[in-house]
Structures are given as structure tokens and as C-alpha cells.
């Protein structure tokens, strides 16, 4: 059975747009992105492949929209050492460094998980 492992709060231009959650068990992982209800009423889609809907977006891997927010090259190496994470832990790196992203989207770790 999949259990909630980690979760990030997604902000678009400083406004909470939704949550992305990672569920795992010994063999599998799953990612779920959901818009916040208030954001559905007044917000804009965070990306082309994420139109506003109350239906959760479910994927067996971190979707490219989010994995492409992770740094590359020497900066990823630096962030990996600083956060003591694997360079392949895209979601962990996104949570650890997502408050300092360039652009409209930021990802903040949900401390309640």
C-alpha cells in the first residue's frame, strides 16, 4: 500500500496554487498534483499540461514540468552536497531548493508530512 512520503506546496507568483505529493512503498512511487480549491476559482494554470481542474494529476514518476525545475550541472552538484541528497532524488532536490527557483513557480516543503 502506498503511503504519503513527502509533499510540496506549489506557489504561482507567490499564491498557493496546489500541492504535489509523493507516495511510496517498497516497489513503487507515485506523484499526485492537485490544485487548491481557491486557486481553481481565481488562478491561472501553472503550465500548459495542467489546465485548471479539481481532478488530481497522477503519475508514476515526477512529471517533467516539476523535474525540469531542478537545477543541472555544477549547481545540482552543490545543492546535492548541501542538502545531503542523491543527485537522482529530483523531488527531494526540488523540495530542498524550490523556494529559490527562477520564474513564477516555487515549491515549499510541507512541514506537516
Protein backbone atom coordinates (compact mmCIF):
# COMPACT_ATOMS: atom_id res chain seq x y z
CA UNK A 1 0.00 0.00 0.00
CA UNK A 2 1.35 3.42 -0.95
CA UNK A 3 1.99 5.83 1.92
CA UNK A 4 2.48 9.57 1.83
CA UNK A 5 6.22 10.20 1.94
CA UNK A 6 6.81 13.89 1.10
CA UNK A 7 4.71 16.81 -0.07
CA UNK A 8 5.38 20.25 -1.51
CA UNK A 9 3.26 23.37 -1.63
CA UNK A 10 3.22 24.83 -5.14
CA UNK A 11 3.09 28.61 -5.40
CA UNK A 12 2.48 30.55 -8.61
CA UNK A 13 3.54 34.19 -8.38
CA UNK A 14 3.53 33.88 -4.59
CA UNK A 15 -0.02 32.48 -4.38
CA UNK A 16 -0.63 28.90 -3.24
CA UNK A 17 -1.75 27.05 -6.37
CA UNK A 18 -1.73 23.46 -5.16
CA UNK A 19 0.18 20.56 -3.66
CA UNK A 20 2.38 17.85 -5.09
CA UNK A 21 2.62 14.68 -3.03
CA UNK A 22 4.94 11.69 -3.26
CA UNK A 23 3.54 8.31 -2.24
CA UNK A 24 5.86 5.31 -1.93
CA UNK A 25 6.13 1.71 -0.86
CA UNK A 26 8.99 -0.76 -1.25
CA UNK A 27 8.48 -1.22 -5.00
CA UNK A 28 6.69 1.80 -6.37
CA UNK A 29 6.32 5.55 -6.20
CA UNK A 30 3.50 7.80 -7.30
CA UNK A 31 3.16 11.57 -7.57
CA UNK A 32 -0.11 13.46 -7.28
CA UNK A 33 -0.58 17.14 -8.12
CA UNK A 34 -3.81 18.83 -7.05
CA UNK A 35 -4.90 22.44 -7.37
CA UNK A 36 -6.21 24.22 -4.26
CA UNK A 37 -9.95 24.95 -4.43
CA UNK A 38 -9.46 28.73 -4.02
CA UNK A 39 -6.89 28.76 -6.81
CA UNK A 40 -9.28 26.97 -9.16
CA UNK A 41 -11.67 29.91 -8.87
CA UNK A 42 -9.23 32.77 -9.35
CA UNK A 43 -5.93 31.36 -10.64
CA UNK A 44 -4.29 30.56 -13.95
CA UNK A 45 -2.92 27.15 -14.95
CA UNK A 46 0.64 26.61 -13.74
CA UNK A 47 1.53 25.06 -17.08
CA UNK A 48 0.16 24.01 -20.46
CA UNK A 49 -0.30 20.39 -19.38
CA UNK A 50 -2.01 21.36 -16.12
CA UNK A 51 -5.32 23.03 -17.02
CA UNK A 52 -7.38 24.12 -14.03
CA UNK A 53 -9.42 21.15 -12.80
CA UNK A 54 -10.37 19.62 -9.47
CA UNK A 55 -9.26 16.21 -10.78
CA UNK A 56 -5.84 15.21 -9.39
CA UNK A 57 -2.98 14.65 -11.83
CA UNK A 58 -1.42 11.25 -11.04
CA UNK A 59 1.91 9.96 -12.38
CA UNK A 60 4.25 7.04 -11.66
CA UNK A 61 7.23 9.40 -11.88
CA UNK A 62 7.89 13.05 -11.11
CA UNK A 63 6.24 14.84 -14.04
CA UNK A 64 8.61 16.68 -16.41
CA UNK A 65 7.06 20.04 -15.51
CA UNK A 66 8.40 19.60 -11.97
CA UNK A 67 11.61 17.66 -12.70
CA UNK A 68 12.65 20.39 -15.14
CA UNK A 69 12.58 22.89 -12.27
CA UNK A 70 15.55 21.09 -10.66
CA UNK A 71 18.98 22.63 -11.26
CA UNK A 72 21.53 20.99 -13.54
CA UNK A 73 25.31 20.73 -13.75
CA UNK A 74 27.57 22.18 -11.08
CA UNK A 75 24.64 23.83 -9.26
CA UNK A 76 22.88 20.48 -8.82
CA UNK A 77 26.16 19.04 -7.52
CA UNK A 78 26.42 21.87 -5.00
CA UNK A 79 22.78 21.50 -3.93
CA UNK A 80 23.20 17.73 -3.62
CA UNK A 81 26.12 18.13 -1.22
CA UNK A 82 24.44 20.95 0.71
CA UNK A 83 21.21 19.00 1.23
CA UNK A 84 22.84 15.56 1.59
CA UNK A 85 20.57 14.10 -1.13
CA UNK A 86 21.24 11.89 -4.13
CA UNK A 87 21.61 13.72 -7.44
CA UNK A 88 18.85 11.41 -8.70
CA UNK A 89 16.39 12.46 -5.98
CA UNK A 90 14.71 15.10 -8.11
CA UNK A 91 11.75 15.54 -5.78
CA UNK A 92 13.99 15.89 -2.72
CA UNK A 93 16.16 18.44 -4.51
CA UNK A 94 13.05 20.31 -5.64
CA UNK A 95 11.75 20.46 -2.08
CA UNK A 96 15.15 21.50 -0.70
CA UNK A 97 15.73 24.26 -3.25
CA UNK A 98 12.30 25.09 -4.67
CA UNK A 99 11.88 28.36 -2.80
CA UNK A 100 14.72 29.89 -4.85
CA UNK A 101 13.57 28.99 -8.37
CA UNK A 102 13.73 31.41 -11.28
CA UNK A 103 10.30 32.24 -12.62
CA UNK A 104 6.73 32.21 -11.39
CA UNK A 105 6.72 28.77 -9.71
CA UNK A 106 8.12 27.96 -6.28
CA UNK A 107 7.93 24.74 -4.28
CA UNK A 108 7.94 24.82 -0.49
CA UNK A 109 8.22 21.64 1.62
CA UNK A 110 5.06 20.86 3.60
CA UNK A 111 6.35 20.55 7.16
CA UNK A 112 3.22 18.66 8.25
CA UNK A 113 4.32 15.49 6.46
